[in-house]
Amino acid sequence: MVRLATSQEESATHTEEAALATFASSHSPTIPFDPAFETTLKKLVAEAVAEHIAKITEIAATRALAALDRPSRVLPNHTPIRDLPLPTRIANGLRRMGIRTLGELTALHAEDILLSPNLGERSLDQLRHVLGLIGRSLSESRGTR
């Protein structure tokens, strides 16, 4: 059964809302807009989020490697990139570069990674960290890509 509000109840509700609005406007100071503060706040939030993502990536990589149950933690070159504990963004960037296996990845130089429009310094740092966890690294010599 649907109950319709009476005009008395509607009036009381509107009166309460008006009273709350009046109270809020008279007791809360207006804060002037400051673009510099907004920019600084955005930078601080972005840095905090980036640090949090890096920590999550490290935890996920460590757990994924533990799940592999390989005592040496050294994976063969034919291991698909999709099996590595990489963030999706990095895995997608490598896929767009045509990198499909761990061997192809470790044949790359850091500069090759940075030439990708989808991967930057932070991606490179995360990639080096994950490779280090499995006992691998990027090539020291410049590749042909």
Protein backbone atom coordinates (compact mmCIF):
# COMPACT_ATOMS: atom_id res chain seq x y z
CA MET A 1 0.00 0.00 0.00
CA VAL A 2 1.36 3.42 -0.99
CA ARG A 3 0.92 6.19 1.52
CA LEU A 4 0.71 9.71 0.18
CA ALA A 5 2.26 12.51 2.19
CA THR A 6 -0.13 15.10 3.53
CA SER A 7 0.39 18.75 2.84
CA GLN A 8 1.21 19.19 6.54
CA GLU A 9 4.04 16.61 6.29
CA GLU A 10 5.34 18.19 3.08
CA SER A 11 5.29 21.60 4.70
CA ALA A 12 7.20 20.29 7.73
CA THR A 13 9.82 18.68 5.48
CA HIS A 14 10.31 21.90 3.50
CA THR A 15 10.55 23.89 6.71
CA GLU A 16 13.23 21.52 8.11
CA GLU A 17 15.22 21.71 4.86
CA ALA A 18 15.01 25.50 4.85
CA ALA A 19 16.12 25.66 8.48
CA LEU A 20 19.11 23.39 7.79
CA ALA A 21 20.10 25.43 4.75
CA THR A 22 19.89 28.66 6.73
CA PHE A 23 21.95 27.17 9.57
CA ALA A 24 24.59 25.82 7.20
CA SER A 25 24.94 29.09 5.33
CA SER A 26 25.22 31.14 8.52
CA HIS A 27 27.69 28.79 10.28
CA SER A 28 30.05 27.74 7.53
CA PRO A 29 32.53 30.27 6.23
CA THR A 30 32.96 30.52 2.51
CA ILE A 31 36.36 29.40 1.38
CA PRO A 32 37.78 31.41 -1.52
CA PHE A 33 38.91 29.45 -4.57
CA ASP A 34 42.69 29.19 -4.78
CA PRO A 35 44.01 27.61 -8.02
CA ALA A 36 47.54 27.23 -6.61
CA PHE A 37 46.21 25.27 -3.64
CA GLU A 38 44.13 23.08 -5.94
CA THR A 39 47.18 22.34 -8.11
CA THR A 40 49.32 21.52 -5.07
CA LEU A 41 46.60 19.29 -3.67
CA LYS A 42 46.25 17.44 -6.98
CA LYS A 43 50.03 16.85 -7.08
CA LEU A 44 50.06 15.52 -3.52
CA VAL A 45 47.16 13.19 -4.23
CA ALA A 46 48.80 11.96 -7.45
CA GLU A 47 52.06 11.25 -5.62
CA ALA A 48 50.26 9.39 -2.84
CA VAL A 49 48.31 7.30 -5.34
CA ALA A 50 51.49 6.51 -7.31
CA GLU A 51 53.30 5.38 -4.14
CA HIS A 52 50.33 3.24 -3.18
CA ILE A 53 50.21 1.62 -6.62
CA ALA A 54 53.94 0.89 -6.47
CA LYS A 55 53.52 -0.82 -3.10
CA ILE A 56 50.57 -2.84 -4.37
CA THR A 57 52.56 -3.86 -7.45
CA GLU A 58 55.45 -5.04 -5.29
CA ILE A 59 53.14 -7.04 -3.03
CA ALA A 60 51.32 -8.57 -6.00
CA ALA A 61 54.59 -9.49 -7.70
CA THR A 62 55.95 -11.11 -4.56
CA ARG A 63 52.75 -13.12 -4.04
CA ALA A 64 52.59 -14.19 -7.67
CA LEU A 65 56.17 -15.41 -7.56
CA ALA A 66 55.52 -17.32 -4.37
CA ALA A 67 52.56 -18.94 -6.11
CA LEU A 68 54.82 -20.13 -8.93
CA ASP A 69 56.52 -22.35 -6.35
CA ARG A 70 59.87 -22.25 -8.12
CA PRO A 71 62.76 -22.38 -5.68
CA SER A 72 65.19 -20.67 -8.06
CA ARG A 73 62.66 -18.06 -9.22
CA VAL A 74 64.35 -18.12 -12.62
CA LEU A 75 61.82 -18.55 -15.39
CA PRO A 76 62.65 -19.88 -18.87
CA ASN A 77 62.86 -17.49 -21.82
CA HIS A 78 59.71 -18.92 -23.42
CA THR A 79 57.57 -17.86 -20.43
CA PRO A 80 54.70 -15.74 -21.78
CA ILE A 81 54.58 -12.12 -20.59
CA ARG A 82 50.98 -12.71 -19.47
CA ASP A 83 52.32 -15.16 -16.84
CA LEU A 84 54.54 -12.53 -15.23
CA PRO A 85 53.26 -10.53 -12.26
CA LEU A 86 53.16 -7.26 -14.21
CA PRO A 87 50.62 -4.46 -13.88
CA THR A 88 48.07 -4.60 -16.70
CA ARG A 89 49.21 -1.26 -18.13
CA ILE A 90 52.78 -2.50 -18.53
CA ALA A 91 51.72 -5.89 -19.93
CA ASN A 92 49.50 -4.11 -22.48
CA GLY A 93 52.31 -1.72 -23.41
CA LEU A 94 54.70 -4.64 -23.99
CA ARG A 95 52.05 -6.45 -26.03
CA ARG A 96 51.64 -3.33 -28.21
CA MET A 97 55.42 -3.39 -28.74
CA GLY A 98 55.16 -7.01 -29.95
CA ILE A 99 56.86 -8.47 -26.87
CA ARG A 100 55.30 -11.85 -26.10
CA THR A 101 57.88 -13.77 -24.03
CA LEU A 102 60.29 -13.21 -21.18
CA GLY A 103 63.23 -13.81 -23.53
CA GLU A 104 62.02 -11.05 -25.87
CA LEU A 105 61.58 -8.75 -22.88
CA THR A 106 65.04 -9.37 -21.42
CA ALA A 107 66.59 -8.75 -24.86
CA LEU A 108 65.30 -5.15 -24.66
CA HIS A 109 67.34 -2.23 -23.39
CA ALA A 110 65.82 0.37 -21.07
CA GLU A 111 65.80 2.89 -23.93
CA ASP A 112 63.68 0.48 -25.99
CA ILE A 113 61.07 0.48 -23.23
CA LEU A 114 61.10 4.27 -22.96
CA LEU A 115 60.53 4.63 -26.72
CA SER A 116 57.08 3.14 -26.25
CA PRO A 117 54.46 5.89 -25.97
CA ASN A 118 52.66 3.89 -23.28
CA LEU A 119 55.59 3.22 -20.95
CA GLY A 120 57.65 5.75 -19.00
CA GLU A 121 60.19 5.92 -16.19
CA ARG A 122 57.79 4.61 -13.56
CA SER A 123 56.83 1.66 -15.77
CA LEU A 124 60.51 0.99 -16.37
CA ASP A 125 61.20 1.01 -12.61
CA GLN A 126 58.30 -1.41 -11.96
CA LEU A 127 59.46 -3.65 -14.81
CA ARG A 128 63.03 -3.74 -13.49
CA HIS A 129 61.71 -4.58 -10.02
CA VAL A 130 59.60 -7.50 -11.26
CA LEU A 131 62.46 -8.80 -13.40
CA GLY A 132 64.78 -8.56 -10.39
CA LEU A 133 62.36 -10.64 -8.34
CA ILE A 134 62.66 -13.46 -10.86
CA GLY A 135 66.43 -13.12 -11.22
CA ARG A 136 66.36 -11.43 -14.62
CA SER A 137 67.14 -7.97 -16.02
CA LEU A 138 66.91 -5.95 -19.20
CA SER A 139 69.74 -6.13 -21.71
CA GLU A 140 72.81 -3.99 -21.05
CA SER A 141 73.44 -3.53 -24.77
CA ARG A 142 71.22 -1.48 -27.04
CA GLY A 143 68.84 -3.68 -29.06
CA THR A 144 67.64 -3.36 -32.62
CA ARG A 145 64.03 -2.41 -31.84
